[in-house]
Amino acid sequence: MLRALALALLLLLTPAAQAQTRKPPYWASIAASKAMMRTGPGKEYPATWQYQRADLPIRVVEIYKNWRKIQDPDGTTGWMQVNLLSDQRTAIVIGTDNQPLHEKPDAASAVRYMAQPNVVGRLSDCGAQWCHFQVGSREGYIPVGSIYGLDPGESF
């Protein structure tokens, strides 16, 4: 019984452990409603920025123990504790114009909603040209060139 419980606990912890040991660069998002960026990998380093936007997409570019050097959508880099980050894939609408969210991954399909620049949403079903993009209860497909949060040609 004790052995089965230990095995179950190990299986539950494995995905989190794997996520913390992935090799950069990789995409993640800010999980906390408030997250501090620092100049180095430790609380003794000065804070340079406080993010107050959960789900903001970031790129992890370096790892040091429980710290991740990240790059935000503006290109700012700094260090953040890993527990403030999530593996949830998100993106932010880029550009200056509203972007259509289509019913299907096809420009000829109906437009369901319009997404304003800087809107953050969750990604799924991404192909070479389109991603499913969800903002709260609203969702649709957006061209990959309209968002920041994935690599060119990336699919998942």
C-alpha atoms as a PDB file:
ATOM      1  CA  MET A   1       0.000   0.000   0.000  1.00  0.00           C
ATOM      2  CA  LEU A   2       2.755   2.449   0.962  1.00  0.00           C
ATOM      3  CA  ARG A   3       4.734   1.518  -2.155  1.00  0.00           C
ATOM      4  CA  ALA A   4       1.675   2.181  -4.381  1.00  0.00           C
ATOM      5  CA  LEU A   5       1.126   5.574  -2.720  1.00  0.00           C
ATOM      6  CA  ALA A   6       4.787   6.526  -3.245  1.00  0.00           C
ATOM      7  CA  LEU A   7       4.594   5.481  -6.897  1.00  0.00           C
ATOM      8  CA  ALA A   8       1.407   7.503  -7.435  1.00  0.00           C
ATOM      9  CA  LEU A   9       3.020  10.557  -5.828  1.00  0.00           C
ATOM     10  CA  LEU A  10       6.094  10.165  -8.028  1.00  0.00           C
ATOM     11  CA  LEU A  11       3.918   9.998 -11.158  1.00  0.00           C
ATOM     12  CA  LEU A  12       2.072  13.174 -10.146  1.00  0.00           C
ATOM     13  CA  LEU A  13       5.312  15.091  -9.595  1.00  0.00           C
ATOM     14  CA  THR A  14       7.029  13.944 -12.792  1.00  0.00           C
ATOM     15  CA  PRO A  15       5.433  16.448 -15.253  1.00  0.00           C
ATOM     16  CA  ALA A  16       6.346  19.432 -13.039  1.00  0.00           C
ATOM     17  CA  ALA A  17       9.897  18.161 -12.666  1.00  0.00           C
ATOM     18  CA  GLN A  18      10.199  17.657 -16.433  1.00  0.00           C
ATOM     19  CA  ALA A  19       8.900  21.155 -17.130  1.00  0.00           C
ATOM     20  CA  GLN A  20      11.533  22.638 -14.846  1.00  0.00           C
ATOM     21  CA  THR A  21      14.388  20.822 -16.566  1.00  0.00           C
ATOM     22  CA  ARG A  22      13.563  21.459 -20.232  1.00  0.00           C
ATOM     23  CA  LYS A  23      16.413  22.876 -22.261  1.00  0.00           C
ATOM     24  CA  PRO A  24      16.002  26.482 -23.393  1.00  0.00           C
ATOM     25  CA  PRO A  25      14.922  28.186 -25.422  1.00  0.00           C
ATOM     26  CA  TYR A  26      11.262  27.360 -24.851  1.00  0.00           C
ATOM     27  CA  TRP A  27       7.952  29.181 -24.430  1.00  0.00           C
ATOM     28  CA  ALA A  28       6.103  29.597 -21.143  1.00  0.00           C
ATOM     29  CA  SER A  29       3.837  32.177 -19.548  1.00  0.00           C
ATOM     30  CA  ILE A  30       3.672  34.139 -16.324  1.00  0.00           C
ATOM     31  CA  ALA A  31       1.433  32.241 -13.890  1.00  0.00           C
ATOM     32  CA  ALA A  32       1.278  34.759 -11.065  1.00  0.00           C
ATOM     33  CA  SER A  33      -0.829  37.924 -11.033  1.00  0.00           C
ATOM     34  CA  LYS A  34       2.307  39.722  -9.796  1.00  0.00           C
ATOM     35  CA  ALA A  35       5.784  38.540 -10.774  1.00  0.00           C
ATOM     36  CA  MET A  36       9.120  40.266 -10.211  1.00  0.00           C
ATOM     37  CA  MET A  37      11.915  40.282 -12.798  1.00  0.00           C
ATOM     38  CA  ARG A  38      15.426  40.628 -11.390  1.00  0.00           C
ATOM     39  CA  THR A  39      18.875  41.410 -12.763  1.00  0.00           C
ATOM     40  CA  GLY A  40      20.214  38.018 -11.663  1.00  0.00           C
ATOM     41  CA  PRO A  41      19.114  34.578 -10.501  1.00  0.00           C
ATOM     42  CA  GLY A  42      18.404  35.268  -6.834  1.00  0.00           C
ATOM     43  CA  LYS A  43      16.333  37.412  -4.495  1.00  0.00           C
ATOM     44  CA  GLU A  44      19.454  39.372  -3.556  1.00  0.00           C
ATOM     45  CA  TYR A  45      19.577  40.837  -7.084  1.00  0.00           C
ATOM     46  CA  PRO A  46      17.728  44.108  -7.693  1.00  0.00           C
ATOM     47  CA  ALA A  47      14.247  43.999  -9.150  1.00  0.00           C
ATOM     48  CA  THR A  48      13.940  45.627 -12.554  1.00  0.00           C
ATOM     49  CA  TRP A  49      10.277  45.090 -13.378  1.00  0.00           C
ATOM     50  CA  GLN A  50       7.061  43.899 -11.779  1.00  0.00           C
ATOM     51  CA  TYR A  51       4.651  42.159 -14.125  1.00  0.00           C
ATOM     52  CA  GLN A  52       0.979  42.328 -13.232  1.00  0.00           C
ATOM     53  CA  ARG A  53      -0.365  40.315 -16.113  1.00  0.00           C
ATOM     54  CA  ALA A  54      -0.939  36.609 -15.645  1.00  0.00           C
ATOM     55  CA  ASP A  55      -0.674  34.542 -18.850  1.00  0.00           C
ATOM     56  CA  LEU A  56       1.770  36.963 -20.500  1.00  0.00           C
ATOM     57  CA  PRO A  57       3.826  34.858 -22.940  1.00  0.00           C
ATOM     58  CA  ILE A  58       7.550  34.746 -22.278  1.00  0.00           C
ATOM     59  CA  ARG A  59      10.515  32.930 -23.768  1.00  0.00           C
ATOM     60  CA  VAL A  60      12.831  31.084 -21.389  1.00  0.00           C
ATOM     61  CA  VAL A  61      16.385  31.582 -22.662  1.00  0.00           C
ATOM     62  CA  GLU A  62      18.507  30.320 -19.757  1.00  0.00           C
ATOM     63  CA  ILE A  63      18.190  28.200 -16.598  1.00  0.00           C
ATOM     64  CA  TYR A  64      20.001  28.498 -13.276  1.00  0.00           C
ATOM     65  CA  LYS A  65      18.715  26.307 -10.445  1.00  0.00           C
ATOM     66  CA  ASN A  66      15.135  27.488  -9.651  1.00  0.00           C
ATOM     67  CA  TRP A  67      15.498  30.644 -11.741  1.00  0.00           C
ATOM     68  CA  ARG A  68      14.736  31.261 -15.399  1.00  0.00           C
ATOM     69  CA  LYS A  69      16.129  34.017 -17.560  1.00  0.00           C
ATOM     70  CA  ILE A  70      13.193  35.174 -19.634  1.00  0.00           C
ATOM     71  CA  GLN A  71      12.492  37.470 -22.540  1.00  0.00           C
ATOM     72  CA  ASP A  72       9.155  39.285 -22.617  1.00  0.00           C
ATOM     73  CA  PRO A  73       7.187  40.431 -25.701  1.00  0.00           C
ATOM     74  CA  ASP A  74       9.025  43.784 -25.695  1.00  0.00           C
ATOM     75  CA  GLY A  75      12.422  42.047 -25.741  1.00  0.00           C
ATOM     76  CA  THR A  76      13.273  42.857 -22.104  1.00  0.00           C
ATOM     77  CA  THR A  77      15.305  40.122 -20.429  1.00  0.00           C
ATOM     78  CA  GLY A  78      15.802  39.282 -16.770  1.00  0.00           C
ATOM     79  CA  TRP A  79      15.473  36.532 -14.192  1.00  0.00           C
ATOM     80  CA  MET A  80      12.300  35.153 -12.616  1.00  0.00           C
ATOM     81  CA  GLN A  81      11.656  32.366 -10.124  1.00  0.00           C
ATOM     82  CA  VAL A  82      10.366  29.221 -11.825  1.00  0.00           C
ATOM     83  CA  ASN A  83       7.354  28.978  -9.494  1.00  0.00           C
ATOM     84  CA  LEU A  84       6.023  32.237 -11.036  1.00  0.00           C
ATOM     85  CA  LEU A  85       5.922  30.628 -14.484  1.00  0.00           C
ATOM     86  CA  SER A  86       3.594  28.169 -16.178  1.00  0.00           C
ATOM     87  CA  ASP A  87       3.907  25.747 -19.089  1.00  0.00           C
ATOM     88  CA  GLN A  88       0.554  27.078 -20.364  1.00  0.00           C
ATOM     89  CA  ARG A  89       1.078  28.297 -23.934  1.00  0.00           C
ATOM     90  CA  THR A  90      -0.204  31.800 -24.469  1.00  0.00           C
ATOM     91  CA  ALA A  91       0.256  34.571 -27.002  1.00  0.00           C
ATOM     92  CA  ILE A  92      -0.244  38.313 -27.290  1.00  0.00           C
ATOM     93  CA  VAL A  93      -1.783  40.065 -30.298  1.00  0.00           C
ATOM     94  CA  ILE A  94       0.856  42.209 -32.010  1.00  0.00           C
ATOM     95  CA  GLY A  95       0.619  45.164 -34.366  1.00  0.00           C
ATOM     96  CA  THR A  96      -1.585  48.239 -34.245  1.00  0.00           C
ATOM     97  CA  ASP A  97      -4.802  46.905 -35.775  1.00  0.00           C
ATOM     98  CA  ASN A  98      -7.522  44.650 -34.385  1.00  0.00           C
ATOM     99  CA  GLN A  99      -7.082  41.067 -35.566  1.00  0.00           C
ATOM    100  CA  PRO A 100      -9.958  38.788 -36.595  1.00  0.00           C
ATOM    101  CA  LEU A 101     -10.590  35.509 -34.802  1.00  0.00           C
ATOM    102  CA  HIS A 102     -12.048  33.188 -37.427  1.00  0.00           C
ATOM    103  CA  GLU A 103     -14.436  30.288 -36.963  1.00  0.00           C
ATOM    104  CA  LYS A 104     -11.980  27.966 -38.756  1.00  0.00           C
ATOM    105  CA  PRO A 105      -8.264  28.144 -39.626  1.00  0.00           C
ATOM    106  CA  ASP A 106      -9.166  29.726 -42.955  1.00  0.00           C
ATOM    107  CA  ALA A 107      -9.298  33.424 -43.896  1.00  0.00           C
ATOM    108  CA  ALA A 108     -12.518  32.759 -45.843  1.00  0.00           C
ATOM    109  CA  SER A 109     -14.324  31.469 -42.732  1.00  0.00           C
ATOM    110  CA  ALA A 110     -16.606  33.668 -40.652  1.00  0.00           C
ATOM    111  CA  VAL A 111     -15.064  36.152 -38.231  1.00  0.00           C
ATOM    112  CA  ARG A 112     -16.268  35.366 -34.712  1.00  0.00           C
ATOM    113  CA  TYR A 113     -14.548  38.165 -32.789  1.00  0.00           C
ATOM    114  CA  MET A 114     -11.973  40.912 -33.174  1.00  0.00           C
ATOM    115  CA  ALA A 115      -8.939  40.925 -30.866  1.00  0.00           C
ATOM    116  CA  GLN A 116      -7.306  44.225 -30.004  1.00  0.00           C
ATOM    117  CA  PRO A 117      -3.524  44.688 -29.986  1.00  0.00           C
ATOM    118  CA  ASN A 118      -1.912  43.525 -26.711  1.00  0.00           C
ATOM    119  CA  VAL A 119      -4.752  41.135 -25.867  1.00  0.00           C
ATOM    120  CA  VAL A 120      -3.388  37.962 -24.269  1.00  0.00           C
ATOM    121  CA  GLY A 121      -4.993  34.588 -24.928  1.00  0.00           C
ATOM    122  CA  ARG A 122      -4.314  30.900 -24.566  1.00  0.00           C
ATOM    123  CA  LEU A 123      -3.041  28.886 -27.513  1.00  0.00           C
ATOM    124  CA  SER A 124      -3.931  25.407 -28.720  1.00  0.00           C
ATOM    125  CA  ASP A 125      -4.110  23.584 -32.025  1.00  0.00           C
ATOM    126  CA  CYS A 126      -1.319  25.577 -33.692  1.00  0.00           C
ATOM    127  CA  GLY A 127      -0.256  24.766 -37.217  1.00  0.00           C
ATOM    128  CA  ALA A 128       2.132  26.466 -39.602  1.00  0.00           C
ATOM    129  CA  GLN A 129      -0.310  29.305 -40.364  1.00  0.00           C
ATOM    130  CA  TRP A 130      -3.055  29.371 -37.712  1.00  0.00           C
ATOM    131  CA  CYS A 131      -3.537  28.941 -33.963  1.00  0.00           C
ATOM    132  CA  HIS A 132      -6.646  28.434 -31.905  1.00  0.00           C
ATOM    133  CA  PHE A 133      -6.713  31.493 -29.614  1.00  0.00           C
ATOM    134  CA  GLN A 134      -8.928  31.746 -26.527  1.00  0.00           C
ATOM    135  CA  VAL A 135      -9.560  34.910 -24.539  1.00  0.00           C
ATOM    136  CA  GLY A 136     -11.886  34.094 -21.666  1.00  0.00           C
ATOM    137  CA  SER A 137     -15.009  32.554 -23.180  1.00  0.00           C
ATOM    138  CA  ARG A 138     -14.263  33.921 -26.656  1.00  0.00           C
ATOM    139  CA  GLU A 139     -12.244  31.856 -29.084  1.00  0.00           C
ATOM    140  CA  GLY A 140     -11.342  31.460 -32.695  1.00  0.00           C
ATOM    141  CA  TYR A 141      -8.436  30.982 -35.077  1.00  0.00           C
ATOM    142  CA  ILE A 142      -5.842  33.695 -35.596  1.00  0.00           C
ATOM    143  CA  PRO A 143      -3.004  33.841 -38.141  1.00  0.00           C
ATOM    144  CA  VAL A 144       0.346  33.090 -36.507  1.00  0.00           C
ATOM    145  CA  GLY A 145       1.802  36.310 -37.934  1.00  0.00           C
ATOM    146  CA  SER A 146      -0.625  38.286 -35.755  1.00  0.00           C
ATOM    147  CA  ILE A 147       0.676  36.969 -32.422  1.00  0.00           C
ATOM    148  CA  TYR A 148       3.839  36.721 -30.314  1.00  0.00           C
ATOM    149  CA  GLY A 149       4.276  33.438 -28.454  1.00  0.00           C
ATOM    150  CA  LEU A 150       5.499  30.730 -30.815  1.00  0.00           C
ATOM    151  CA  ASP A 151       8.385  29.935 -33.112  1.00  0.00           C
ATOM    152  CA  PRO A 152       8.095  30.253 -36.916  1.00  0.00           C
ATOM    153  CA  GLY A 153       6.677  27.012 -38.320  1.00  0.00           C
ATOM    154  CA  GLU A 154       5.976  25.581 -34.850  1.00  0.00           C
ATOM    155  CA  SER A 155       3.000  23.226 -34.496  1.00  0.00           C
ATOM    156  CA  PHE A 156       1.430  21.693 -31.415  1.00  0.00           C
END
